[in-house]
Amino acid sequence: MVRVKATVISQEGHCAAGHKVGDEIIFDWDTHEIEGKLCLHALYSALPKIYALAHGGQVAYATAEDGSKVARHACPDGYNPLILELRVIE
């Protein structure tokens, strides 16, 4: 299987978990490990999309600044928005 990288690309207001733009989290299905930290609220809401990406599923894509296809996910805290960019990495 593959790895999926989640990168914080936007964060407004006060994130209770302390996430900042540029934070990266790697989900590795071969080793069953997560590198980095992600609050439980964002993890719980993003996990179905991360799982789909890791297993070749189709999700809604956006185009990143480098022209590659990425998925985006918003943290459920609407008062302190955080956006994750999700991409499959080899």
Protein backbone atom coordinates (compact mmCIF):
# COMPACT_ATOMS: atom_id res chain seq x y z
CA MET A 1 0.00 0.00 0.00
CA VAL A 2 0.99 3.62 0.07
CA ARG A 3 1.49 6.50 2.41
CA VAL A 4 -0.72 9.55 2.67
CA LYS A 5 0.60 12.95 3.74
CA ALA A 6 -1.70 15.51 5.37
CA THR A 7 -0.37 19.07 5.39
CA VAL A 8 -1.99 22.01 7.17
CA ILE A 9 -2.39 24.61 4.42
CA SER A 10 -4.64 27.07 6.24
CA GLN A 11 -5.48 27.79 9.88
CA GLU A 12 -7.47 30.74 11.20
CA GLY A 13 -8.45 31.70 14.72
CA HIS A 14 -7.21 29.66 17.66
CA CYS A 15 -6.61 25.94 17.10
CA ALA A 16 -6.94 24.24 20.49
CA ALA A 17 -4.52 21.51 19.34
CA GLY A 18 -1.92 24.07 18.27
CA HIS A 19 -1.85 23.18 14.58
CA LYS A 20 0.01 25.63 12.35
CA VAL A 21 0.34 26.06 8.60
CA GLY A 22 3.06 23.69 7.37
CA ASP A 23 2.46 20.92 9.92
CA GLU A 24 2.72 17.50 8.24
CA ILE A 25 1.31 14.15 9.27
CA ILE A 26 2.22 10.91 7.47
CA PHE A 27 -0.08 7.88 7.52
CA ASP A 28 1.85 4.70 6.62
CA TRP A 29 -0.25 1.60 5.97
CA ASP A 30 2.79 -0.70 5.61
CA THR A 31 4.08 0.00 9.12
CA HIS A 32 0.70 0.94 10.64
CA GLU A 33 2.22 4.15 12.00
CA ILE A 34 1.36 7.82 12.04
CA GLU A 35 4.22 10.34 12.01
CA GLY A 36 3.30 13.74 13.44
CA LYS A 37 0.34 14.91 15.47
CA LEU A 38 -3.25 15.50 14.50
CA CYS A 39 -6.03 16.32 16.93
CA LEU A 40 -8.72 13.70 17.37
CA HIS A 41 -11.46 15.91 15.88
CA ALA A 42 -9.59 16.46 12.61
CA LEU A 43 -8.38 12.84 12.56
CA TYR A 44 -11.84 11.38 13.09
CA SER A 45 -13.39 13.51 10.37
CA ALA A 46 -10.54 13.10 7.83
CA LEU A 47 -9.87 9.38 8.29
CA PRO A 48 -12.43 8.10 5.75
CA LYS A 49 -10.87 10.27 3.05
CA ILE A 50 -7.32 9.31 4.09
CA TYR A 51 -8.27 5.63 4.07
CA ALA A 52 -9.83 5.95 0.60
CA LEU A 53 -6.70 7.63 -0.77
CA ALA A 54 -4.44 4.96 0.72
CA HIS A 55 -6.49 2.22 -0.92
CA GLY A 56 -6.86 3.77 -4.37
CA GLY A 57 -10.37 5.10 -3.86
CA GLN A 58 -11.80 8.08 -5.66
CA VAL A 59 -12.27 11.32 -3.74
CA ALA A 60 -12.96 14.90 -4.82
CA TYR A 61 -9.69 16.46 -5.91
CA ALA A 62 -8.34 19.99 -6.07
CA THR A 63 -5.28 21.19 -7.96
CA ALA A 64 -2.28 22.06 -5.79
CA GLU A 65 0.09 24.94 -6.54
CA ASP A 66 2.49 22.48 -8.21
CA GLY A 67 -0.29 21.24 -10.51
CA SER A 68 -0.72 17.86 -8.80
CA LYS A 69 -4.09 16.48 -7.71
CA VAL A 70 -4.75 16.68 -3.98
CA ALA A 71 -7.74 16.18 -1.72
CA ARG A 72 -8.67 18.87 0.76
CA HIS A 73 -10.34 18.41 4.11
CA ALA A 74 -11.71 20.97 6.56
CA CYS A 75 -11.57 20.41 10.30
CA PRO A 76 -15.08 20.36 11.79
CA ASP A 77 -14.35 23.41 14.03
CA GLY A 78 -16.13 26.09 12.01
CA TYR A 79 -15.08 28.91 14.36
CA ASN A 80 -11.35 28.16 13.97
CA PRO A 81 -11.04 26.78 10.44
CA LEU A 82 -8.18 24.45 9.58
CA ILE A 83 -7.70 23.02 6.08
CA LEU A 84 -5.66 19.88 5.37
CA GLU A 85 -4.22 19.03 1.98
CA LEU A 86 -4.09 15.25 1.48
CA ARG A 87 -1.88 13.57 -1.06
CA VAL A 88 -0.63 10.08 -1.77
CA ILE A 89 3.15 9.78 -1.53
CA GLU A 90 5.30 6.89 -2.71
